[in-house]
């Protein structure tokens, strides 16, 4: 069985967007896996009025040369991004998201 980590739809681009989440540094085989998913989406899910599916790999780190060689002859639009983990939210984002306590309270209300 095969599973795409996240599958979104971009309304303006009229395209499916497959996102693969990796907890390690980028490896070339990740591009092959994503190409497999994009081909399956385009053959099985995409409708005639939609554009080709887009792939994004989000990983812990990446080497530019490795990424360039891995994506050079890929047929589908793909991008590689890296993430970073922060211990605390930036100040300008703290008031945009609920606190851990607020989330716990909301969950308690839902489960009652």
PDB file of N, CA and C in Angstrom:
ATOM      1  N   UNK A   1       0.834  -1.172   0.000  1.00  0.00           N
ATOM      2  CA  UNK A   1       0.000   0.000   0.000  1.00  0.00           C
ATOM      3  C   UNK A   1       0.885   1.244   0.000  1.00  0.00           C
ATOM      4  N   UNK A   2       0.372   2.299  -0.599  1.00  0.00           N
ATOM      5  CA  UNK A   2       1.110   3.553  -0.690  1.00  0.00           C
ATOM      6  C   UNK A   2       0.219   4.678  -0.173  1.00  0.00           C
ATOM      7  N   UNK A   3       0.810   5.612   0.549  1.00  0.00           N
ATOM      8  CA  UNK A   3       0.052   6.704   1.134  1.00  0.00           C
ATOM      9  C   UNK A   3       0.777   8.028   0.938  1.00  0.00           C
ATOM     10  N   UNK A   4       0.077   9.016   0.436  1.00  0.00           N
ATOM     11  CA  UNK A   4       0.592  10.382   0.349  1.00  0.00           C
ATOM     12  C   UNK A   4       0.376  11.016   1.722  1.00  0.00           C
ATOM     13  N   UNK A   5       1.385  11.715   2.232  1.00  0.00           N
ATOM     14  CA  UNK A   5       1.257  12.306   3.560  1.00  0.00           C
ATOM     15  C   UNK A   5       0.149  13.354   3.610  1.00  0.00           C
ATOM     16  N   UNK A   6       0.164  14.287   2.679  1.00  0.00           N
ATOM     17  CA  UNK A   6      -0.882  15.326   2.592  1.00  0.00           C
ATOM     18  C   UNK A   6      -1.265  15.502   1.130  1.00  0.00           C
ATOM     19  N   UNK A   7      -2.546  15.588   0.880  1.00  0.00           N
ATOM     20  CA  UNK A   7      -3.019  15.862  -0.473  1.00  0.00           C
ATOM     21  C   UNK A   7      -3.949  17.059  -0.411  1.00  0.00           C
ATOM     22  N   UNK A   8      -3.561  18.118  -1.102  1.00  0.00           N
ATOM     23  CA  UNK A   8      -4.325  19.366  -1.112  1.00  0.00           C
ATOM     24  C   UNK A   8      -4.750  19.678  -2.544  1.00  0.00           C
ATOM     25  N   UNK A   9      -5.617  20.678  -2.667  1.00  0.00           N
ATOM     26  CA  UNK A   9      -6.010  21.144  -3.988  1.00  0.00           C
ATOM     27  C   UNK A   9      -5.820  22.644  -4.039  1.00  0.00           C
ATOM     28  N   UNK A  10      -5.095  23.131  -5.039  1.00  0.00           N
ATOM     29  CA  UNK A  10      -4.855  24.571  -5.214  1.00  0.00           C
ATOM     30  C   UNK A  10      -5.885  25.080  -6.214  1.00  0.00           C
ATOM     31  N   UNK A  11      -6.833  25.869  -5.737  1.00  0.00           N
ATOM     32  CA  UNK A  11      -7.939  26.305  -6.587  1.00  0.00           C
ATOM     33  C   UNK A  11      -7.489  27.195  -7.734  1.00  0.00           C
ATOM     34  N   UNK A  12      -6.597  28.142  -7.475  1.00  0.00           N
ATOM     35  CA  UNK A  12      -6.179  29.045  -8.549  1.00  0.00           C
ATOM     36  C   UNK A  12      -5.355  28.327  -9.614  1.00  0.00           C
ATOM     37  N   UNK A  13      -4.496  27.398  -9.191  1.00  0.00           N
ATOM     38  CA  UNK A  13      -3.698  26.642 -10.157  1.00  0.00           C
ATOM     39  C   UNK A  13      -4.483  25.484 -10.770  1.00  0.00           C
ATOM     40  N   UNK A  14      -5.614  25.158 -10.160  1.00  0.00           N
ATOM     41  CA  UNK A  14      -6.426  24.014 -10.587  1.00  0.00           C
ATOM     42  C   UNK A  14      -5.565  22.761 -10.664  1.00  0.00           C
ATOM     43  N   UNK A  15      -4.901  22.459  -9.534  1.00  0.00           N
ATOM     44  CA  UNK A  15      -3.998  21.312  -9.506  1.00  0.00           C
ATOM     45  C   UNK A  15      -3.990  20.665  -8.125  1.00  0.00           C
ATOM     46  N   UNK A  16      -3.846  19.343  -8.117  1.00  0.00           N
ATOM     47  CA  UNK A  16      -3.636  18.613  -6.875  1.00  0.00           C
ATOM     48  C   UNK A  16      -2.211  18.880  -6.405  1.00  0.00           C
ATOM     49  N   UNK A  17      -2.021  18.954  -5.096  1.00  0.00           N
ATOM     50  CA  UNK A  17      -0.699  19.189  -4.529  1.00  0.00           C
ATOM     51  C   UNK A  17      -0.423  18.081  -3.520  1.00  0.00           C
ATOM     52  N   UNK A  18       0.553  17.240  -3.825  1.00  0.00           N
ATOM     53  CA  UNK A  18       0.952  16.154  -2.932  1.00  0.00           C
ATOM     54  C   UNK A  18       2.153  16.606  -2.110  1.00  0.00           C
ATOM     55  N   UNK A  19       2.058  16.450  -0.802  1.00  0.00           N
ATOM     56  CA  UNK A  19       3.134  16.871   0.082  1.00  0.00           C
ATOM     57  C   UNK A  19       3.638  15.648   0.839  1.00  0.00           C
ATOM     58  N   UNK A  20       4.947  15.443   0.765  1.00  0.00           N
ATOM     59  CA  UNK A  20       5.607  14.370   1.496  1.00  0.00           C
ATOM     60  C   UNK A  20       6.412  14.978   2.622  1.00  0.00           C
ATOM     61  N   UNK A  21       6.225  14.483   3.835  1.00  0.00           N
ATOM     62  CA  UNK A  21       6.918  14.981   5.013  1.00  0.00           C
ATOM     63  C   UNK A  21       7.996  13.974   5.411  1.00  0.00           C
ATOM     64  N   UNK A  22       9.227  14.427   5.535  1.00  0.00           N
ATOM     65  CA  UNK A  22      10.345  13.556   5.880  1.00  0.00           C
ATOM     66  C   UNK A  22      11.066  14.107   7.107  1.00  0.00           C
ATOM     67  N   UNK A  23      11.479  13.212   8.003  1.00  0.00           N
ATOM     68  CA  UNK A  23      12.159  13.659   9.226  1.00  0.00           C
ATOM     69  C   UNK A  23      13.674  13.587   9.090  1.00  0.00           C
ATOM     70  N   UNK A  24      14.157  13.281   7.895  1.00  0.00           N
ATOM     71  CA  UNK A  24      15.595  13.178   7.655  1.00  0.00           C
ATOM     72  C   UNK A  24      16.010  14.176   6.574  1.00  0.00           C
ATOM     73  N   UNK A  25      17.305  14.224   6.333  1.00  0.00           N
ATOM     74  CA  UNK A  25      17.840  15.026   5.235  1.00  0.00           C
ATOM     75  C   UNK A  25      17.326  14.458   3.908  1.00  0.00           C
ATOM     76  N   UNK A  26      17.164  15.302   2.891  1.00  0.00           N
ATOM     77  CA  UNK A  26      16.671  14.874   1.589  1.00  0.00           C
ATOM     78  C   UNK A  26      17.543  13.758   1.010  1.00  0.00           C
ATOM     79  N   UNK A  27      16.868  12.740   0.479  1.00  0.00           N
ATOM     80  CA  UNK A  27      17.532  11.647  -0.233  1.00  0.00           C
ATOM     81  C   UNK A  27      16.938  11.577  -1.634  1.00  0.00           C
ATOM     82  N   UNK A  28      17.730  11.265  -2.654  1.00  0.00           N
ATOM     83  CA  UNK A  28      17.219  11.232  -4.025  1.00  0.00           C
ATOM     84  C   UNK A  28      16.019  10.308  -4.218  1.00  0.00           C
ATOM     85  N   UNK A  29      15.951   9.224  -3.447  1.00  0.00           N
ATOM     86  CA  UNK A  29      14.810   8.313  -3.610  1.00  0.00           C
ATOM     87  C   UNK A  29      13.485   8.947  -3.214  1.00  0.00           C
ATOM     88  N   UNK A  30      13.522  10.017  -2.421  1.00  0.00           N
ATOM     89  CA  UNK A  30      12.285  10.721  -2.085  1.00  0.00           C
ATOM     90  C   UNK A  30      11.638  11.310  -3.338  1.00  0.00           C
ATOM     91  N   UNK A  31      12.458  11.790  -4.263  1.00  0.00           N
ATOM     92  CA  UNK A  31      11.943  12.364  -5.510  1.00  0.00           C
ATOM     93  C   UNK A  31      11.270  11.274  -6.353  1.00  0.00           C
ATOM     94  N   UNK A  32      11.850  10.084  -6.382  1.00  0.00           N
ATOM     95  CA  UNK A  32      11.249   8.977  -7.121  1.00  0.00           C
ATOM     96  C   UNK A  32       9.919   8.566  -6.529  1.00  0.00           C
ATOM     97  N   UNK A  33       9.839   8.538  -5.204  1.00  0.00           N
ATOM     98  CA  UNK A  33       8.583   8.202  -4.536  1.00  0.00           C
ATOM     99  C   UNK A  33       7.511   9.234  -4.880  1.00  0.00           C
ATOM    100  N   UNK A  34       7.879  10.514  -4.819  1.00  0.00           N
ATOM    101  CA  UNK A  34       6.912  11.565  -5.121  1.00  0.00           C
ATOM    102  C   UNK A  34       6.504  11.527  -6.590  1.00  0.00           C
ATOM    103  N   UNK A  35       7.439  11.252  -7.484  1.00  0.00           N
ATOM    104  CA  UNK A  35       7.101  11.126  -8.908  1.00  0.00           C
ATOM    105  C   UNK A  35       6.074  10.013  -9.111  1.00  0.00           C
ATOM    106  N   UNK A  36       6.236   8.908  -8.420  1.00  0.00           N
ATOM    107  CA  UNK A  36       5.286   7.799  -8.455  1.00  0.00           C
ATOM    108  C   UNK A  36       3.893   8.277  -8.051  1.00  0.00           C
ATOM    109  N   UNK A  37       3.811   9.013  -6.934  1.00  0.00           N
ATOM    110  CA  UNK A  37       2.517   9.525  -6.468  1.00  0.00           C
ATOM    111  C   UNK A  37       1.897  10.491  -7.471  1.00  0.00           C
ATOM    112  N   UNK A  38       2.711  11.389  -8.029  1.00  0.00           N
ATOM    113  CA  UNK A  38       2.181  12.377  -8.973  1.00  0.00           C
ATOM    114  C   UNK A  38       1.661  11.700 -10.240  1.00  0.00           C
ATOM    115  N   UNK A  39       2.360  10.690 -10.718  1.00  0.00           N
ATOM    116  CA  UNK A  39       1.904   9.951 -11.893  1.00  0.00           C
ATOM    117  C   UNK A  39       0.572   9.261 -11.594  1.00  0.00           C
ATOM    118  N   UNK A  40       0.488   8.634 -10.424  1.00  0.00           N
ATOM    119  CA  UNK A  40      -0.769   7.970 -10.042  1.00  0.00           C
ATOM    120  C   UNK A  40      -1.907   8.975  -9.928  1.00  0.00           C
ATOM    121  N   UNK A  41      -1.644  10.128  -9.324  1.00  0.00           N
ATOM    122  CA  UNK A  41      -2.692  11.154  -9.215  1.00  0.00           C
ATOM    123  C   UNK A  41      -3.154  11.629 -10.582  1.00  0.00           C
ATOM    124  N   UNK A  42      -2.189  11.882 -11.471  1.00  0.00           N
ATOM    125  CA  UNK A  42      -2.546  12.376 -12.802  1.00  0.00           C
ATOM    126  C   UNK A  42      -3.315  11.330 -13.608  1.00  0.00           C
ATOM    127  N   UNK A  43      -2.997  10.072 -13.424  1.00  0.00           N
ATOM    128  CA  UNK A  43      -3.667   9.001 -14.174  1.00  0.00           C
ATOM    129  C   UNK A  43      -5.014   8.603 -13.567  1.00  0.00           C
ATOM    130  N   UNK A  44      -5.128   8.662 -12.238  1.00  0.00           N
ATOM    131  CA  UNK A  44      -6.298   8.113 -11.568  1.00  0.00           C
ATOM    132  C   UNK A  44      -7.263   9.141 -10.971  1.00  0.00           C
ATOM    133  N   UNK A  45      -6.768  10.316 -10.609  1.00  0.00           N
ATOM    134  CA  UNK A  45      -7.583  11.265  -9.843  1.00  0.00           C
ATOM    135  C   UNK A  45      -7.855  12.561 -10.603  1.00  0.00           C
ATOM    136  N   UNK A  46      -6.849  13.113 -11.243  1.00  0.00           N
ATOM    137  CA  UNK A  46      -6.965  14.400 -11.932  1.00  0.00           C
ATOM    138  C   UNK A  46      -8.049  14.331 -13.008  1.00  0.00           C
ATOM    139  N   UNK A  47      -8.809  15.407 -13.116  1.00  0.00           N
ATOM    140  CA  UNK A  47      -9.821  15.488 -14.168  1.00  0.00           C
ATOM    141  C   UNK A  47      -9.247  16.211 -15.388  1.00  0.00           C
ATOM    142  N   UNK A  48      -9.934  16.138 -16.503  1.00  0.00           N
ATOM    143  CA  UNK A  48      -9.430  16.713 -17.751  1.00  0.00           C
ATOM    144  C   UNK A  48      -9.232  18.225 -17.689  1.00  0.00           C
ATOM    145  N   UNK A  49     -10.015  18.910 -16.866  1.00  0.00           N
ATOM    146  CA  UNK A  49      -9.905  20.372 -16.804  1.00  0.00           C
ATOM    147  C   UNK A  49      -8.882  20.851 -15.765  1.00  0.00           C
ATOM    148  N   UNK A  50      -8.165  19.933 -15.115  1.00  0.00           N
ATOM    149  CA  UNK A  50      -7.170  20.304 -14.127  1.00  0.00           C
ATOM    150  C   UNK A  50      -5.762  20.219 -14.702  1.00  0.00           C
ATOM    151  N   UNK A  51      -4.864  20.971 -14.103  1.00  0.00           N
ATOM    152  CA  UNK A  51      -3.455  20.963 -14.501  1.00  0.00           C
ATOM    153  C   UNK A  51      -2.731  19.786 -13.846  1.00  0.00           C
ATOM    154  N   UNK A  52      -1.547  19.448 -14.341  1.00  0.00           N
ATOM    155  CA  UNK A  52      -0.795  18.340 -13.742  1.00  0.00           C
ATOM    156  C   UNK A  52      -0.552  18.565 -12.245  1.00  0.00           C
ATOM    157  N   UNK A  53      -0.515  17.470 -11.515  1.00  0.00           N
ATOM    158  CA  UNK A  53      -0.298  17.514 -10.070  1.00  0.00           C
ATOM    159  C   UNK A  53       1.090  18.058  -9.746  1.00  0.00           C
ATOM    160  N   UNK A  54       1.186  18.686  -8.580  1.00  0.00           N
ATOM    161  CA  UNK A  54       2.417  19.314  -8.110  1.00  0.00           C
ATOM    162  C   UNK A  54       2.874  18.573  -6.858  1.00  0.00           C
ATOM    163  N   UNK A  55       4.181  18.395  -6.708  1.00  0.00           N
ATOM    164  CA  UNK A  55       4.709  17.709  -5.540  1.00  0.00           C
ATOM    165  C   UNK A  55       5.638  18.582  -4.728  1.00  0.00           C
ATOM    166  N   UNK A  56       5.553  18.443  -3.414  1.00  0.00           N
ATOM    167  CA  UNK A  56       6.440  19.165  -2.503  1.00  0.00           C
ATOM    168  C   UNK A  56       6.959  18.168  -1.471  1.00  0.00           C
ATOM    169  N   UNK A  57       8.266  18.167  -1.290  1.00  0.00           N
ATOM    170  CA  UNK A  57       8.887  17.353  -0.249  1.00  0.00           C
ATOM    171  C   UNK A  57       9.404  18.307   0.818  1.00  0.00           C
ATOM    172  N   UNK A  58       8.973  18.102   2.052  1.00  0.00           N
ATOM    173  CA  UNK A  58       9.447  18.918   3.166  1.00  0.00           C
ATOM    174  C   UNK A  58      10.292  17.999   4.045  1.00  0.00           C
ATOM    175  N   UNK A  59      11.572  18.343   4.186  1.00  0.00           N
ATOM    176  CA  UNK A  59      12.503  17.484   4.914  1.00  0.00           C
ATOM    177  C   UNK A  59      13.333  18.296   5.903  1.00  0.00           C
ATOM    178  N   UNK A  60      14.074  17.572   6.735  1.00  0.00           N
ATOM    179  CA  UNK A  60      14.856  18.217   7.789  1.00  0.00           C
ATOM    180  C   UNK A  60      15.967  19.100   7.234  1.00  0.00           C
ATOM    181  N   UNK A  61      16.594  18.653   6.155  1.00  0.00           N
ATOM    182  CA  UNK A  61      17.689  19.413   5.559  1.00  0.00           C
ATOM    183  C   UNK A  61      17.832  18.980   4.114  1.00  0.00           C
ATOM    184  N   UNK A  62      18.589  19.727   3.338  1.00  0.00           N
ATOM    185  CA  UNK A  62      18.797  19.381   1.929  1.00  0.00           C
ATOM    186  C   UNK A  62      20.134  19.917   1.453  1.00  0.00           C
ATOM    187  N   UNK A  63      20.715  19.205   0.517  1.00  0.00           N
ATOM    188  CA  UNK A  63      21.933  19.638  -0.146  1.00  0.00           C
ATOM    189  C   UNK A  63      21.536  20.070  -1.559  1.00  0.00           C
ATOM    190  N   UNK A  64      21.872  21.281  -1.911  1.00  0.00           N
ATOM    191  CA  UNK A  64      21.431  21.857  -3.191  1.00  0.00           C
ATOM    192  C   UNK A  64      21.822  20.997  -4.401  1.00  0.00           C
ATOM    193  N   UNK A  65      23.031  20.505  -4.426  1.00  0.00           N
ATOM    194  CA  UNK A  65      23.496  19.701  -5.559  1.00  0.00           C
ATOM    195  C   UNK A  65      22.718  18.392  -5.652  1.00  0.00           C
ATOM    196  N   UNK A  66      22.503  17.741  -4.519  1.00  0.00           N
ATOM    197  CA  UNK A  66      21.731  16.498  -4.504  1.00  0.00           C
ATOM    198  C   UNK A  66      20.317  16.733  -5.022  1.00  0.00           C
ATOM    199  N   UNK A  67      19.698  17.808  -4.573  1.00  0.00           N
ATOM    200  CA  UNK A  67      18.342  18.139  -5.025  1.00  0.00           C
ATOM    201  C   UNK A  67      18.330  18.399  -6.532  1.00  0.00           C
ATOM    202  N   UNK A  68      19.284  19.165  -7.026  1.00  0.00           N
ATOM    203  CA  UNK A  68      19.324  19.482  -8.459  1.00  0.00           C
ATOM    204  C   UNK A  68      19.447  18.223  -9.307  1.00  0.00           C
ATOM    205  N   UNK A  69      20.341  17.323  -8.933  1.00  0.00           N
ATOM    206  CA  UNK A  69      20.502  16.078  -9.687  1.00  0.00           C
ATOM    207  C   UNK A  69      19.268  15.187  -9.571  1.00  0.00           C
ATOM    208  N   UNK A  70      18.658  15.136  -8.397  1.00  0.00           N
ATOM    209  CA  UNK A  70      17.483  14.288  -8.196  1.00  0.00           C
ATOM    210  C   UNK A  70      16.286  14.764  -9.012  1.00  0.00           C
ATOM    211  N   UNK A  71      16.148  16.079  -9.178  1.00  0.00           N
ATOM    212  CA  UNK A  71      14.975  16.628  -9.867  1.00  0.00           C
ATOM    213  C   UNK A  71      15.218  16.937 -11.339  1.00  0.00           C
ATOM    214  N   UNK A  72      16.452  16.881 -11.789  1.00  0.00           N
ATOM    215  CA  UNK A  72      16.818  17.342 -13.125  1.00  0.00           C
ATOM    216  C   UNK A  72      15.959  16.752 -14.248  1.00  0.00           C
ATOM    217  N   UNK A  73      15.726  15.469 -14.256  1.00  0.00           N
ATOM    218  CA  UNK A  73      14.969  14.838 -15.339  1.00  0.00           C
ATOM    219  C   UNK A  73      13.571  14.387 -14.929  1.00  0.00           C
ATOM    220  N   UNK A  74      13.074  14.908 -13.824  1.00  0.00           N
ATOM    221  CA  UNK A  74      11.714  14.568 -13.399  1.00  0.00           C
ATOM    222  C   UNK A  74      10.711  15.230 -14.335  1.00  0.00           C
ATOM    223  N   UNK A  75       9.622  14.538 -14.605  1.00  0.00           N
ATOM    224  CA  UNK A  75       8.606  15.037 -15.528  1.00  0.00           C
ATOM    225  C   UNK A  75       7.579  15.950 -14.869  1.00  0.00           C
ATOM    226  N   UNK A  76       7.374  15.807 -13.578  1.00  0.00           N
ATOM    227  CA  UNK A  76       6.330  16.546 -12.869  1.00  0.00           C
ATOM    228  C   UNK A  76       6.913  17.733 -12.113  1.00  0.00           C
ATOM    229  N   UNK A  77       6.105  18.781 -11.929  1.00  0.00           N
ATOM    230  CA  UNK A  77       6.585  19.929 -11.143  1.00  0.00           C
ATOM    231  C   UNK A  77       6.753  19.516  -9.672  1.00  0.00           C
ATOM    232  N   UNK A  78       7.969  19.727  -9.150  1.00  0.00           N
ATOM    233  CA  UNK A  78       8.293  19.333  -7.784  1.00  0.00           C
ATOM    234  C   UNK A  78       9.175  20.375  -7.134  1.00  0.00           C
ATOM    235  N   UNK A  79       9.061  20.469  -5.824  1.00  0.00           N
ATOM    236  CA  UNK A  79       9.925  21.350  -5.066  1.00  0.00           C
ATOM    237  C   UNK A  79      10.340  20.687  -3.770  1.00  0.00           C
ATOM    238  N   UNK A  80      11.471  21.114  -3.238  1.00  0.00           N
ATOM    239  CA  UNK A  80      12.000  20.588  -1.986  1.00  0.00           C
ATOM    240  C   UNK A  80      12.157  21.763  -1.028  1.00  0.00           C
ATOM    241  N   UNK A  81      11.652  21.600   0.181  1.00  0.00           N
ATOM    242  CA  UNK A  81      11.790  22.636   1.206  1.00  0.00           C
ATOM    243  C   UNK A  81      12.277  21.982   2.482  1.00  0.00           C
ATOM    244  N   UNK A  82      12.935  22.754   3.325  1.00  0.00           N
ATOM    245  CA  UNK A  82      13.351  22.204   4.608  1.00  0.00           C
ATOM    246  C   UNK A  82      12.614  22.935   5.723  1.00  0.00           C
ATOM    247  N   UNK A  83      12.458  22.231   6.819  1.00  0.00           N
ATOM    248  CA  UNK A  83      11.764  22.805   7.961  1.00  0.00           C
ATOM    249  C   UNK A  83      12.756  23.007   9.101  1.00  0.00           C
ATOM    250  N   UNK A  84      12.356  23.810  10.054  1.00  0.00           N
ATOM    251  CA  UNK A  84      13.141  23.950  11.283  1.00  0.00           C
ATOM    252  C   UNK A  84      12.168  23.911  12.458  1.00  0.00           C
ATOM    253  N   UNK A  85      12.638  23.355  13.538  1.00  0.00           N
ATOM    254  CA  UNK A  85      11.804  23.213  14.730  1.00  0.00           C
ATOM    255  C   UNK A  85      12.214  24.283  15.736  1.00  0.00           C
ATOM    256  N   UNK A  86      11.231  24.973  16.250  1.00  0.00           N
ATOM    257  CA  UNK A  86      11.469  26.017  17.250  1.00  0.00           C
ATOM    258  C   UNK A  86      10.875  25.571  18.583  1.00  0.00           C
ATOM    259  N   UNK A  87      11.519  25.920  19.659  1.00  0.00           N
ATOM    260  CA  UNK A  87      11.017  25.580  20.991  1.00  0.00           C
ATOM    261  C   UNK A  87       9.800  26.434  21.364  1.00  0.00           C
ATOM    262  N   UNK A  88       9.780  27.673  20.877  1.00  0.00           N
ATOM    263  CA  UNK A  88       8.682  28.583  21.201  1.00  0.00           C
ATOM    264  C   UNK A  88       8.203  29.274  19.939  1.00  0.00           C
ATOM    265  N   UNK A  89       6.939  29.671  19.945  1.00  0.00           N
ATOM    266  CA  UNK A  89       6.392  30.419  18.825  1.00  0.00           C
ATOM    267  C   UNK A  89       6.991  31.821  18.798  1.00  0.00           C
ATOM    268  N   UNK A  90       7.199  32.369  17.611  1.00  0.00           N
ATOM    269  CA  UNK A  90       7.619  33.774  17.535  1.00  0.00           C
ATOM    270  C   UNK A  90       6.537  34.671  18.152  1.00  0.00           C
ATOM    271  N   UNK A  91       6.945  35.767  18.731  1.00  0.00           N
ATOM    272  CA  UNK A  91       6.015  36.674  19.423  1.00  0.00           C
ATOM    273  C   UNK A  91       4.843  37.090  18.537  1.00  0.00           C
ATOM    274  N   UNK A  92       5.120  37.387  17.254  1.00  0.00           N
ATOM    275  CA  UNK A  92       4.056  37.871  16.374  1.00  0.00           C
ATOM    276  C   UNK A  92       3.044  36.780  16.013  1.00  0.00           C
ATOM    277  N   UNK A  93       3.307  35.525  16.364  1.00  0.00           N
ATOM    278  CA  UNK A  93       2.378  34.435  16.072  1.00  0.00           C
ATOM    279  C   UNK A  93       1.634  33.938  17.309  1.00  0.00           C
ATOM    280  N   UNK A  94       2.107  34.312  18.481  1.00  0.00           N
ATOM    281  CA  UNK A  94       1.517  33.796  19.714  1.00  0.00           C
ATOM    282  C   UNK A  94       0.032  34.122  19.843  1.00  0.00           C
ATOM    283  N   UNK A  95      -0.370  35.288  19.437  1.00  0.00           N
ATOM    284  CA  UNK A  95      -1.783  35.650  19.578  1.00  0.00           C
ATOM    285  C   UNK A  95      -2.638  35.124  18.418  1.00  0.00           C
ATOM    286  N   UNK A  96      -2.033  34.481  17.426  1.00  0.00           N
ATOM    287  CA  UNK A  96      -2.783  33.917  16.303  1.00  0.00           C
ATOM    288  C   UNK A  96      -3.248  32.491  16.565  1.00  0.00           C
ATOM    289  N   UNK A  97      -2.601  31.816  17.507  1.00  0.00           N
ATOM    290  CA  UNK A  97      -2.905  30.420  17.793  1.00  0.00           C
ATOM    291  C   UNK A  97      -3.344  30.265  19.240  1.00  0.00           C
ATOM    292  N   UNK A  98      -4.227  29.300  19.507  1.00  0.00           N
ATOM    293  CA  UNK A  98      -4.632  29.085  20.908  1.00  0.00           C
ATOM    294  C   UNK A  98      -3.481  28.483  21.714  1.00  0.00           C
ATOM    295  N   UNK A  99      -3.502  28.734  23.019  1.00  0.00           N
ATOM    296  CA  UNK A  99      -2.485  28.163  23.906  1.00  0.00           C
ATOM    297  C   UNK A  99      -2.783  26.677  24.111  1.00  0.00           C
ATOM    298  N   UNK A 100      -1.826  25.968  24.682  1.00  0.00           N
ATOM    299  CA  UNK A 100      -2.021  24.546  24.981  1.00  0.00           C
ATOM    300  C   UNK A 100      -3.210  24.357  25.930  1.00  0.00           C
ATOM    301  N   UNK A 101      -3.362  25.264  26.876  1.00  0.00           N
ATOM    302  CA  UNK A 101      -4.470  25.181  27.827  1.00  0.00           C
ATOM    303  C   UNK A 101      -5.815  25.372  27.119  1.00  0.00           C
ATOM    304  N   UNK A 102      -5.877  26.329  26.192  1.00  0.00           N
ATOM    305  CA  UNK A 102      -7.117  26.564  25.442  1.00  0.00           C
ATOM    306  C   UNK A 102      -7.485  25.356  24.582  1.00  0.00           C
ATOM    307  N   UNK A 103      -6.496  24.726  23.988  1.00  0.00           N
ATOM    308  CA  UNK A 103      -6.746  23.535  23.180  1.00  0.00           C
ATOM    309  C   UNK A 103      -7.294  22.418  24.065  1.00  0.00           C
ATOM    310  N   UNK A 104      -6.688  22.229  25.234  1.00  0.00           N
ATOM    311  CA  UNK A 104      -7.153  21.188  26.166  1.00  0.00           C
ATOM    312  C   UNK A 104      -8.589  21.452  26.604  1.00  0.00           C
ATOM    313  N   UNK A 105      -8.916  22.696  26.903  1.00  0.00           N
ATOM    314  CA  UNK A 105     -10.292  23.050  27.301  1.00  0.00           C
ATOM    315  C   UNK A 105     -11.284  22.759  26.180  1.00  0.00           C
ATOM    316  N   UNK A 106     -10.929  23.124  24.962  1.00  0.00           N
ATOM    317  CA  UNK A 106     -11.813  22.884  23.819  1.00  0.00           C
ATOM    318  C   UNK A 106     -12.031  21.397  23.589  1.00  0.00           C
ATOM    319  N   UNK A 107     -10.957  20.623  23.729  1.00  0.00           N
ATOM    320  CA  UNK A 107     -11.076  19.174  23.556  1.00  0.00           C
ATOM    321  C   UNK A 107     -11.949  18.541  24.625  1.00  0.00           C
ATOM    322  N   UNK A 108     -11.835  19.047  25.855  1.00  0.00           N
ATOM    323  CA  UNK A 108     -12.687  18.540  26.926  1.00  0.00           C
ATOM    324  C   UNK A 108     -14.156  18.801  26.638  1.00  0.00           C
ATOM    325  N   UNK A 109     -14.469  19.982  26.122  1.00  0.00           N
ATOM    326  CA  UNK A 109     -15.855  20.323  25.782  1.00  0.00           C
ATOM    327  C   UNK A 109     -16.396  19.429  24.687  1.00  0.00           C
ATOM    328  N   UNK A 110     -15.558  19.112  23.733  1.00  0.00           N
ATOM    329  CA  UNK A 110     -15.979  18.259  22.598  1.00  0.00           C
ATOM    330  C   UNK A 110     -16.274  16.842  23.079  1.00  0.00           C
ATOM    331  N   UNK A 111     -15.451  16.339  23.991  1.00  0.00           N
ATOM    332  CA  UNK A 111     -15.586  14.947  24.427  1.00  0.00           C
ATOM    333  C   UNK A 111     -16.637  14.751  25.519  1.00  0.00           C
ATOM    334  N   UNK A 112     -17.193  15.821  26.053  1.00  0.00           N
ATOM    335  CA  UNK A 112     -18.218  15.704  27.097  1.00  0.00           C
ATOM    336  C   UNK A 112     -19.535  15.232  26.539  1.00  0.00           C
TER     337      UNK A 112
END
